[in-house]
Protein backbone atom coordinates (compact mmCIF):
# COMPACT_ATOMS: atom_id res chain seq x y z
CA MET A 1 8.82 1.57 4.48
CA ILE A 2 9.77 -1.62 2.86
CA TYR A 3 10.23 -2.75 -0.52
CA ASP A 4 10.36 -5.68 -0.97
CA HIS A 5 10.91 -9.13 -3.31
CA ILE A 6 7.45 -11.11 -3.11
CA GLU A 7 9.02 -13.81 -2.17
CA ASP A 8 10.50 -12.96 0.95
CA LEU A 9 7.52 -11.85 2.47
CA GLY A 10 6.62 -14.30 4.91
CA THR A 11 10.46 -12.42 6.29
CA TYR A 12 8.30 -9.95 7.90
CA LYS A 13 6.71 -12.23 9.68
CA GLY A 14 7.12 -11.28 13.81
CA LEU A 15 7.28 -8.06 13.78
CA HIS A 16 2.86 -7.65 14.37
CA PRO A 17 0.46 -10.37 14.98
CA ASN A 18 -2.03 -8.78 12.62
CA LEU A 19 0.87 -7.86 10.13
CA ASP A 20 1.77 -11.82 10.65
CA GLN A 21 -2.23 -12.52 9.92
CA ALA A 22 -2.36 -10.44 6.49
CA LEU A 23 0.82 -12.36 5.66
CA SER A 24 -0.44 -15.73 5.88
CA PHE A 25 -3.67 -14.49 4.06
CA LEU A 26 -0.76 -13.48 1.05
CA GLU A 27 0.57 -16.94 1.21
CA SER A 28 -2.14 -18.79 1.07
CA GLU A 29 -4.75 -16.77 -1.54
CA ASP A 30 -5.44 -16.32 -5.08
CA LEU A 31 -5.47 -12.98 -5.39
CA GLU A 32 -5.95 -13.56 -8.94
CA SER A 33 -9.38 -14.68 -8.29
CA LEU A 34 -10.84 -12.60 -5.67
CA ALA A 35 -13.44 -10.61 -6.91
CA ALA A 36 -12.76 -6.37 -6.25
CA GLY A 37 -13.77 -5.05 -3.04
CA ARG A 38 -12.56 -5.73 0.62
CA HIS A 39 -12.12 -9.36 1.61
CA ASP A 40 -11.68 -9.61 5.85
CA ILE A 41 -8.81 -11.35 6.87
CA ALA A 42 -9.02 -10.42 10.53
CA GLY A 43 -11.82 -8.27 10.66
CA ASP A 44 -11.12 -4.14 11.46
CA LEU A 45 -7.53 -5.90 12.55
CA ALA A 46 -6.51 -6.73 9.26
CA PHE A 47 -8.45 -7.13 5.63
CA ALA A 48 -7.63 -6.71 1.97
CA LEU A 49 -8.63 -4.50 -0.74
CA ILE A 50 -9.05 -6.43 -4.52
CA GLN A 51 -8.89 -2.87 -6.81
CA ASP A 52 -8.50 -1.89 -10.45
CA ASN A 53 -7.18 0.95 -10.92
CA GLN A 54 -6.15 3.11 -13.97
CA LEU A 55 -2.73 4.53 -13.17
CA ASN A 56 -2.43 8.57 -12.80
CA GLN A 57 -0.45 9.50 -15.96
CA SER A 58 1.27 12.84 -13.65
CA GLU A 59 2.69 13.55 -10.31
CA SER A 60 0.42 14.85 -7.49
CA PRO A 61 2.62 16.83 -5.11
CA GLU A 62 0.31 15.52 -2.47
CA PHE A 63 1.21 12.36 -0.17
CA GLU A 64 -1.04 10.35 1.67
CA TYR A 65 -0.92 8.95 5.17
CA HIS A 66 -2.10 7.16 7.76
CA HIS A 67 -2.10 7.25 11.75
CA ARG A 68 -3.87 3.51 13.23
CA TYR A 69 -3.37 1.39 9.70
CA LEU A 70 -0.18 0.44 7.40
CA ASP A 71 -0.29 -0.35 3.84
CA LEU A 72 1.13 -3.55 2.12
CA HIS A 73 0.82 -3.13 -1.69
CA VAL A 74 0.89 -5.96 -3.59
CA LEU A 75 0.17 -5.83 -7.70
CA VAL A 76 -1.81 -8.84 -9.19
CA ASP A 77 -1.09 -7.77 -12.88
CA GLY A 78 0.59 -4.92 -13.99
CA LYS A 79 3.60 -2.52 -13.01
CA GLU A 80 2.81 0.97 -10.83
CA THR A 81 5.12 3.38 -9.20
CA ILE A 82 4.19 4.16 -5.98
CA ILE A 83 6.56 7.39 -4.20
CA TYR A 84 7.54 7.28 -0.83
CA GLY A 85 7.46 10.77 0.67
CA PHE A 86 10.14 12.18 3.79
CA GLY A 87 12.08 14.87 4.69
CA ASP A 88 10.15 18.31 5.84
CA ARG A 89 6.23 17.66 5.37
CA GLN A 90 3.08 19.54 5.10
CA SER A 91 -0.58 19.36 5.68
CA THR A 92 -2.84 20.02 2.97
CA LYS A 93 -5.58 18.44 4.51
CA ASP A 94 -6.08 17.95 7.32
CA TYR A 95 -6.06 14.08 9.47
CA ASP A 96 -9.49 12.52 9.82
CA GLU A 97 -9.91 9.92 12.41
CA GLU A 98 -12.77 8.36 10.86
CA LEU A 99 -10.91 7.62 7.32
CA ASP A 100 -7.50 7.10 9.21
CA PHE A 101 -5.96 9.49 6.04
CA GLY A 102 -4.70 12.74 5.46
CA LEU A 103 -2.40 14.13 2.84
CA GLU A 104 0.74 16.41 2.45
CA THR A 105 3.51 17.47 0.79
CA CYS A 106 6.89 15.86 1.25
CA GLU A 107 10.12 17.65 0.79
CA ARG A 108 12.08 14.82 -0.66
CA GLN A 109 11.04 11.49 -3.06
CA LEU A 110 11.92 8.11 -3.69
CA LYS A 111 10.35 6.40 -6.76
CA LEU A 112 9.36 2.19 -6.03
CA THR A 113 7.99 0.05 -9.14
CA ILE A 114 6.05 -2.59 -7.51
CA ASP A 115 5.06 -5.39 -10.00
CA LYS A 116 4.09 -9.13 -9.49
CA GLN A 117 8.01 -9.50 -8.01
CA HIS A 118 8.39 -6.71 -5.60
CA PHE A 119 6.04 -5.08 -2.55
CA ALA A 120 5.81 -2.42 -0.40
CA ILE A 121 5.12 -1.60 3.15
CA PHE A 122 4.34 2.03 4.48
CA PHE A 123 4.33 2.18 8.33
CA PRO A 124 1.27 4.09 9.80
CA GLY A 125 2.91 7.72 9.73
CA GLU A 126 4.73 7.14 5.95
CA ALA A 127 3.55 9.32 3.72
CA HIS A 128 3.33 7.55 0.57
CA GLN A 129 1.62 8.84 -3.19
CA PRO A 130 0.10 4.82 -4.95
CA ASN A 131 -0.86 4.61 -8.48
CA GLY A 132 1.68 5.88 -10.49
CA HIS A 133 1.87 5.26 -14.17
CA ALA A 134 5.04 3.00 -15.11
CA GLY A 135 5.60 3.27 -18.44
CA PHE A 136 3.78 -0.43 -18.98
CA GLY A 137 -0.04 0.07 -19.55
CA ASP A 138 -2.58 2.72 -17.76
CA ASP A 139 -4.51 -0.22 -15.67
CA VAL A 140 -3.22 -2.58 -12.73
CA LYS A 141 -5.22 -5.29 -10.27
CA LYS A 142 -4.08 -5.08 -7.04
CA CYS A 143 -4.26 -5.67 -3.56
CA VAL A 144 -3.94 -2.89 -0.51
CA VAL A 145 -3.81 -4.94 2.67
CA LYS A 146 -4.82 -2.46 5.73
CA VAL A 147 -3.17 -3.85 8.72
CA LEU A 148 -4.29 -2.17 12.31
CA ILE A 149 -1.07 -1.30 14.47
CA ASP A 150 -2.11 0.14 17.48
């Protein structure tokens, strides 16, 4: 997991070629002008999902995880809490290979706040719970960049 200032996003170039393409996209695009939906960066190797989300008012015991894609969360408007799950983990929904998605509970949690100044990256296998209410409004516009890591 990486949690950092948006101005430092470019320092993560070199970790993976697909991530490099995603980071170049984020540096060059005006995310505020993009319509909701999928925006290809490099086909299925990297793509951005622009979302208008209503934030969850209560926390869930379940965390999502992926095996093939990392998630890079950037807020376009608003504030959001994302919870990182770690420690002992127990599956609550079997991993679906086609969707690259599974659910589990986690023994420990770390709350992160993302906004226009901060971002978070969750690598394959890292449990996370996005779309949490951060006390600053009920809705956010966000960009989740999915990056294939093989």
